[in-house]
Amino acid sequence: MNYLEFEKPLAEIEGKAEELRALARQNEEMDVEKEAAALDRKAADLLKDLYKDLSAWRKCQVARHPDRPHCKDYIDALFTEYTPLAGDRNFADDHAVMGGLARLDDRPVMVIGHEKGNDTKSRIERNFGMARPEGYRKAIRLMEMADKFNIPVITLVDTPGAFPGKGAEERGQSEAIARSTQKCLEIGVPLISVIIGEGGSGGAVAFATANKVAMLEHSVYSVISPEGCASILWKDAEKMREAAEALRLTAQDLQKLGVIDRIIKEPLGGAQRDSKTAIDNVGQTITALLAELSEQDRTALIQNRRKKFLQMGTKGLAA
């Protein structure tokens, strides 16, 4: 278990319980279960207290936790007959973006998502989930295919943002993001997006301009990272805590603002403590949202999606 900074007291208690059990395994005559169970109860109470009312910055930390399930984990667990489709048919295949045909409850779907990787080698290969232009152009190609064959699109968003490298800019990063966002608005099939970790900047919006947008309870979705915001506004990245509060990037804030439609509950302690439950909750939500959208025809799907985004930020304004 990787522990976050604010979880250090929890790490000490759980570590002591594990040490006691390790000693008992080495010496069968030792009976430590009573003491270990008491530590387990203490740890459970502390875990509830820590996650009872997380600050925006702590939610950022949880959303970035390396042990959280990533796009590939969701695809492997929720979808059957997944057939990956590679390349943008123009420049290259971007491994930061996964996508392909699959079945969800025996229904054909197109699933697209950011993949961060889960160890050093895969994180470098996946570029830490930061897509290049060819990643967004691959997503456009897959959305066009789904539209042609009348297949719903499901996107799983988990990215710090689009890759800001020189090569990406030379190949039209901003144009690719804009085209992907435009394609989201144009397709006449149900489009559901789930923020499973970080939803960073235009790199997330390019996948999340959807009919229905859901967020895991401790995920975040923002125009910029708290560190980046603090660097710009205060010239001090250490003010990221204040920036996180100001950005209103939590699922709870964004639901109040009308930016997202649904919050998906996570297990106590975050998705990283019980990946299976978190993944099952996401699967149930996607299935429910697909059922809601299945009653709308092509014209209604497009019109309602565009209307949803045009009305954002107008709550409380006079007509």
Protein backbone atom coordinates (compact mmCIF):
# COMPACT_ATOMS: atom_id res chain seq x y z
CA MET A 1 0.00 0.00 0.00
CA ASN A 2 1.28 3.43 -0.98
CA TYR A 3 0.24 6.00 1.62
CA LEU A 4 -0.42 9.66 0.90
CA GLU A 5 1.11 12.41 3.03
CA PHE A 6 -2.02 12.94 5.11
CA GLU A 7 -2.35 9.17 5.64
CA LYS A 8 0.95 8.82 7.55
CA PRO A 9 -0.73 8.29 10.98
CA LEU A 10 -2.80 5.53 9.36
CA ALA A 11 0.33 3.97 7.86
CA GLU A 12 1.91 3.74 11.33
CA ILE A 13 -1.07 1.96 12.87
CA GLU A 14 -1.58 -0.46 9.97
CA GLY A 15 2.17 -1.07 9.89
CA LYS A 16 2.22 -2.01 13.56
CA ALA A 17 -0.66 -4.45 13.07
CA GLU A 18 1.15 -6.09 10.18
CA GLU A 19 4.39 -6.30 12.19
CA LEU A 20 2.57 -8.12 14.99
CA ARG A 21 1.09 -10.64 12.56
CA ALA A 22 4.47 -11.12 10.89
CA LEU A 23 6.02 -11.95 14.29
CA ALA A 24 3.22 -14.41 14.97
CA ARG A 25 3.85 -16.15 11.66
CA GLN A 26 7.50 -16.59 12.64
CA ASN A 27 6.63 -17.82 16.15
CA GLU A 28 3.45 -19.90 16.24
CA GLU A 29 3.34 -19.78 20.05
CA MET A 30 2.71 -16.02 20.03
CA ASP A 31 -0.92 -14.93 20.22
CA VAL A 32 -1.13 -11.37 18.93
CA GLU A 33 -4.50 -11.42 17.23
CA LYS A 34 -6.24 -9.51 20.03
CA GLU A 35 -3.70 -6.66 19.91
CA ALA A 36 -3.67 -6.68 16.09
CA ALA A 37 -7.49 -6.58 15.96
CA ALA A 38 -7.49 -3.57 18.30
CA LEU A 39 -5.07 -1.80 15.97
CA ASP A 40 -7.30 -2.71 13.00
CA ARG A 41 -10.28 -1.08 14.71
CA LYS A 42 -8.22 2.00 15.51
CA ALA A 43 -7.07 2.19 11.88
CA ALA A 44 -10.65 1.82 10.60
CA ASP A 45 -11.83 4.69 12.81
CA LEU A 46 -8.93 6.87 11.70
CA LEU A 47 -9.62 6.09 8.03
CA LYS A 48 -13.23 7.25 8.48
CA ASP A 49 -12.05 10.48 10.10
CA LEU A 50 -9.46 11.18 7.39
CA TYR A 51 -11.93 10.69 4.52
CA LYS A 52 -14.98 12.18 6.21
CA ASP A 53 -14.43 15.68 4.82
CA LEU A 54 -11.47 15.80 2.45
CA SER A 55 -10.19 19.21 1.38
CA ALA A 56 -9.90 19.97 -2.33
CA TRP A 57 -6.12 19.53 -2.22
CA ARG A 58 -6.40 16.15 -0.50
CA LYS A 59 -8.87 15.06 -3.15
CA CYS A 60 -6.24 15.99 -5.75
CA GLN A 61 -3.77 13.74 -3.96
CA VAL A 62 -6.26 10.86 -3.86
CA ALA A 63 -7.15 11.35 -7.54
CA ARG A 64 -3.45 11.02 -8.41
CA HIS A 65 -2.80 8.00 -6.19
CA PRO A 66 -0.62 5.52 -8.12
CA ASP A 67 -2.68 2.55 -6.93
CA ARG A 68 -6.01 3.84 -8.27
CA PRO A 69 -7.46 1.67 -11.03
CA HIS A 70 -6.65 3.10 -14.46
CA CYS A 71 -8.35 2.92 -17.84
CA LYS A 72 -6.94 -0.52 -18.70
CA ASP A 73 -8.20 -1.92 -15.38
CA TYR A 74 -11.74 -0.71 -16.14
CA ILE A 75 -11.65 -2.07 -19.68
CA ASP A 76 -10.38 -5.47 -18.50
CA ALA A 77 -13.01 -5.73 -15.76
CA LEU A 78 -16.13 -4.21 -17.32
CA PHE A 79 -15.95 -4.96 -21.02
CA THR A 80 -15.84 -8.18 -23.01
CA GLU A 81 -14.52 -8.83 -26.51
CA TYR A 82 -12.39 -5.68 -26.32
CA THR A 83 -10.64 -5.17 -29.67
CA PRO A 84 -8.07 -2.35 -29.55
CA LEU A 85 -7.90 -0.03 -32.55
CA ALA A 86 -4.59 1.76 -33.02
CA GLY A 87 -3.28 4.81 -34.82
CA ASP A 88 -4.66 8.06 -36.19
CA ARG A 89 -4.06 7.03 -39.85
CA ASN A 90 -1.89 10.10 -40.20
CA PHE A 91 1.22 10.12 -37.98
CA ALA A 92 1.44 7.46 -35.26
CA ASP A 93 -0.28 5.54 -32.48
CA ASP A 94 -0.36 7.40 -29.17
CA HIS A 95 -0.12 4.91 -26.30
CA ALA A 96 -1.48 7.49 -23.83
CA VAL A 97 -4.90 6.89 -25.41
CA MET A 98 -6.56 3.48 -25.44
CA GLY A 99 -9.57 2.77 -27.59
CA GLY A 100 -11.47 0.06 -29.34
CA LEU A 101 -14.67 -1.89 -29.84
CA ALA A 102 -16.08 -3.89 -26.96
CA ARG A 103 -19.24 -5.14 -25.36
CA LEU A 104 -20.83 -3.90 -22.14
CA ASP A 105 -23.51 -6.30 -20.90
CA ASP A 106 -23.45 -7.79 -24.41
CA ARG A 107 -24.15 -4.39 -25.98
CA PRO A 108 -21.60 -3.13 -28.56
CA VAL A 109 -19.83 0.05 -27.48
CA MET A 110 -16.78 2.08 -28.41
CA VAL A 111 -14.58 2.72 -25.37
CA ILE A 112 -11.86 5.39 -25.36
CA GLY A 113 -9.70 6.52 -22.46
CA HIS A 114 -6.45 7.92 -21.12
CA GLU A 115 -4.04 5.35 -19.69
CA LYS A 116 -1.33 6.46 -17.24
CA GLY A 117 0.41 3.11 -16.70
CA ASN A 118 1.09 1.38 -13.39
CA ASP A 119 4.89 1.04 -13.20
CA THR A 120 7.91 2.97 -14.44
CA LYS A 121 8.12 1.22 -17.80
CA SER A 122 4.41 1.49 -18.63
CA ARG A 123 4.18 5.08 -17.38
CA ILE A 124 6.95 6.13 -19.74
CA GLU A 125 5.34 4.19 -22.59
CA ARG A 126 1.95 5.79 -21.84
CA ASN A 127 3.54 9.23 -21.31
CA PHE A 128 1.82 9.42 -17.89
CA GLY A 129 -1.57 9.71 -19.59
CA MET A 130 -0.68 12.93 -21.41
CA ALA A 131 -1.93 12.56 -24.97
CA ARG A 132 -0.26 14.00 -28.06
CA PRO A 133 -2.17 15.24 -31.14
CA GLU A 134 -2.24 11.75 -32.65
CA GLY A 135 -4.02 10.51 -29.52
CA TYR A 136 -6.86 12.98 -29.99
CA ARG A 137 -6.97 12.24 -33.73
CA LYS A 138 -7.22 8.54 -32.93
CA ALA A 139 -10.15 9.35 -30.63
CA ILE A 140 -11.79 11.35 -33.45
CA ARG A 141 -11.40 8.39 -35.82
CA LEU A 142 -12.97 6.01 -33.31
CA MET A 143 -15.87 8.39 -32.58
CA GLU A 144 -16.54 8.71 -36.32
CA MET A 145 -16.58 4.90 -36.63
CA ALA A 146 -18.98 4.60 -33.69
CA ASP A 147 -21.24 7.23 -35.23
CA LYS A 148 -21.23 5.42 -38.59
CA PHE A 149 -22.28 2.11 -37.04
CA ASN A 150 -24.61 3.62 -34.41
CA ILE A 151 -22.55 2.43 -31.43
CA PRO A 152 -22.55 4.32 -28.07
CA VAL A 153 -19.26 5.90 -27.01
CA ILE A 154 -17.86 5.63 -23.48
CA THR A 155 -14.82 7.69 -22.48
CA LEU A 156 -12.71 7.20 -19.35
CA VAL A 157 -10.83 10.37 -18.45
CA ASP A 158 -7.64 10.31 -16.39
CA THR A 159 -5.02 12.82 -17.51
CA PRO A 160 -3.03 15.70 -16.01
CA GLY A 161 -3.58 17.41 -19.36
CA ALA A 162 -2.46 17.21 -22.96
CA PHE A 163 1.29 16.79 -23.51
CA PRO A 164 2.90 20.26 -23.80
CA GLY A 165 6.05 19.17 -25.67
CA LYS A 166 7.58 20.90 -28.68
CA GLY A 167 6.74 18.07 -31.09
CA ALA A 168 3.12 17.99 -29.96
CA GLU A 169 2.77 21.73 -30.53
CA GLU A 170 4.39 21.43 -33.96
CA ARG A 171 1.87 18.76 -34.94
CA GLY A 172 -1.12 20.89 -33.93
CA GLN A 173 -1.94 20.00 -30.34
CA SER A 174 -4.54 22.74 -29.81
CA GLU A 175 -6.21 22.02 -33.16
CA ALA A 176 -6.42 18.30 -32.38
CA ILE A 177 -8.02 19.01 -28.98
CA ALA A 178 -10.50 21.41 -30.55
CA ARG A 179 -11.40 18.91 -33.29
CA SER A 180 -11.91 16.16 -30.73
CA THR A 181 -14.18 18.43 -28.67
CA GLN A 182 -16.08 19.33 -31.85
CA LYS A 183 -16.47 15.68 -32.76
CA CYS A 184 -17.93 14.98 -29.32
CA LEU A 185 -20.61 17.57 -30.06
CA GLU A 186 -21.35 16.22 -33.54
CA ILE A 187 -21.84 12.48 -33.15
CA GLY A 188 -25.41 11.22 -33.06
CA VAL A 189 -24.92 8.36 -30.62
CA PRO A 190 -24.99 8.32 -26.81
CA LEU A 191 -21.74 9.68 -25.37
CA ILE A 192 -20.95 9.02 -21.70
CA SER A 193 -17.81 10.21 -19.96
CA VAL A 194 -16.47 9.18 -16.56
CA ILE A 195 -13.69 11.07 -14.77
CA ILE A 196 -11.88 8.21 -13.02
CA GLY A 197 -8.91 10.19 -11.67
CA GLU A 198 -7.65 13.51 -12.95
CA GLY A 199 -9.58 15.52 -15.51
CA GLY A 200 -6.98 18.05 -16.54
CA SER A 201 -7.54 21.00 -18.87
CA GLY A 202 -8.51 20.70 -22.54
CA GLY A 203 -6.96 17.26 -22.62
CA ALA A 204 -9.92 16.08 -20.54
CA VAL A 205 -12.59 18.25 -22.17
CA ALA A 206 -11.70 16.71 -25.56
CA PHE A 207 -13.09 13.39 -24.25
CA ALA A 208 -15.68 14.68 -21.79
CA THR A 209 -17.97 16.88 -23.91
CA ALA A 210 -20.62 14.24 -23.40
CA ASN A 211 -24.36 13.77 -22.96
CA LYS A 212 -23.69 12.57 -19.43
CA VAL A 213 -20.56 13.24 -17.37
CA ALA A 214 -19.96 11.29 -14.16
CA MET A 215 -17.10 11.58 -11.67
CA LEU A 216 -15.74 9.24 -9.07
CA GLU A 217 -16.23 10.70 -5.61
CA HIS A 218 -12.57 11.64 -5.08
CA SER A 219 -11.62 12.51 -8.65
CA VAL A 220 -10.96 16.08 -9.84
CA TYR A 221 -11.79 18.02 -13.01
CA SER A 222 -10.30 21.42 -13.72
CA VAL A 223 -9.02 23.84 -16.36
CA ILE A 224 -5.54 23.70 -14.79
CA SER A 225 -3.71 21.87 -12.02
CA PRO A 226 -3.58 23.56 -8.60
CA GLU A 227 0.22 23.83 -8.89
CA GLY A 228 -0.03 25.47 -12.31
CA CYS A 229 -2.73 27.86 -11.12
CA ALA A 230 -0.67 28.85 -8.06
CA SER A 231 2.41 29.43 -10.22
CA ILE A 232 0.49 31.78 -12.51
CA LEU A 233 -1.54 33.69 -9.92
CA TRP A 234 0.88 33.87 -7.00
CA LYS A 235 4.20 32.95 -8.66
CA ASP A 236 4.43 30.28 -5.98
CA ALA A 237 3.54 26.64 -6.64
CA GLU A 238 3.44 26.02 -2.87
CA LYS A 239 0.10 27.84 -2.74
CA MET A 240 -1.51 24.85 -4.47
CA ARG A 241 -3.84 24.27 -1.49
CA GLU A 242 -5.40 27.72 -1.86
CA ALA A 243 -5.56 27.23 -5.63
CA ALA A 244 -7.32 23.88 -5.27
CA GLU A 245 -10.05 25.46 -3.14
CA ALA A 246 -10.48 28.38 -5.56
CA LEU A 247 -10.69 26.17 -8.66
CA ARG A 248 -13.80 24.31 -7.38
CA LEU A 249 -12.46 21.13 -8.93
CA THR A 250 -14.10 18.47 -6.75
CA ALA A 251 -16.98 16.30 -7.91
CA GLN A 252 -19.21 17.79 -5.23
CA ASP A 253 -18.56 21.39 -6.35
CA LEU A 254 -18.90 20.56 -10.03
CA GLN A 255 -22.23 18.82 -9.55
CA LYS A 256 -23.56 21.94 -7.79
CA LEU A 257 -22.31 24.06 -10.69
CA GLY A 258 -24.00 21.81 -13.25
CA VAL A 259 -20.74 20.78 -14.92
CA ILE A 260 -21.23 17.07 -14.17
CA ASP A 261 -24.35 14.97 -13.86
CA ARG A 262 -23.53 12.24 -11.37
CA ILE A 263 -21.08 11.37 -8.57
CA ILE A 264 -20.00 7.74 -8.30
CA LYS A 265 -19.36 6.57 -4.75
CA GLU A 266 -15.90 5.22 -3.92
CA PRO A 267 -15.00 2.67 -1.23
CA LEU A 268 -13.90 4.13 2.11
CA GLY A 269 -10.31 5.28 1.67
CA GLY A 270 -10.62 5.78 -2.08
CA ALA A 271 -10.74 3.55 -5.15
CA GLN A 272 -7.16 2.46 -4.51
CA ARG A 273 -8.22 0.51 -1.38
CA ASP A 274 -10.87 -1.56 -3.13
CA SER A 275 -10.48 -1.42 -6.90
CA LYS A 276 -13.12 -4.06 -7.59
CA THR A 277 -15.88 -2.18 -5.79
CA ALA A 278 -14.92 1.10 -7.45
CA ILE A 279 -14.88 -0.50 -10.90
CA ASP A 280 -18.24 -2.21 -10.28
CA ASN A 281 -19.76 1.12 -9.21
CA VAL A 282 -18.52 2.74 -12.42
CA GLY A 283 -19.93 -0.11 -14.49
CA GLN A 284 -23.35 0.18 -12.86
CA THR A 285 -23.40 3.93 -13.46
CA ILE A 286 -22.46 3.60 -17.14
CA THR A 287 -25.17 0.98 -17.63
CA ALA A 288 -27.78 3.21 -15.97
CA LEU A 289 -26.79 6.27 -18.00
CA LEU A 290 -26.86 4.28 -21.24
CA ALA A 291 -30.39 3.17 -20.41
CA GLU A 292 -31.42 6.81 -19.88
CA LEU A 293 -29.96 7.90 -23.21
CA SER A 294 -31.29 4.96 -25.22
CA GLU A 295 -34.71 6.62 -25.39
CA GLN A 296 -33.33 9.62 -27.32
CA ASP A 297 -33.01 9.64 -31.11
CA ARG A 298 -30.02 11.00 -33.02
CA THR A 299 -31.33 14.56 -33.26
CA ALA A 300 -32.23 14.75 -29.57
CA LEU A 301 -28.83 13.40 -28.50
CA ILE A 302 -26.99 16.08 -30.47
CA GLN A 303 -29.29 18.92 -29.49
CA ASN A 304 -29.38 18.04 -25.80
CA ARG A 305 -25.60 17.65 -25.67
CA ARG A 306 -25.01 21.05 -27.26
CA LYS A 307 -27.65 22.67 -25.06
CA LYS A 308 -26.06 21.17 -21.94
CA PHE A 309 -22.72 22.85 -22.63
CA LEU A 310 -24.15 26.14 -23.93
CA GLN A 311 -26.09 26.56 -20.68
CA MET A 312 -23.12 25.95 -18.38
CA GLY A 313 -22.34 28.97 -16.26
CA THR A 314 -25.74 30.58 -16.81
CA LYS A 315 -27.42 29.34 -13.63
CA GLY A 316 -29.07 32.20 -11.82
CA LEU A 317 -28.64 34.63 -14.73
CA ALA A 318 -31.61 36.51 -16.08
CA ALA A 319 -32.97 35.28 -19.40
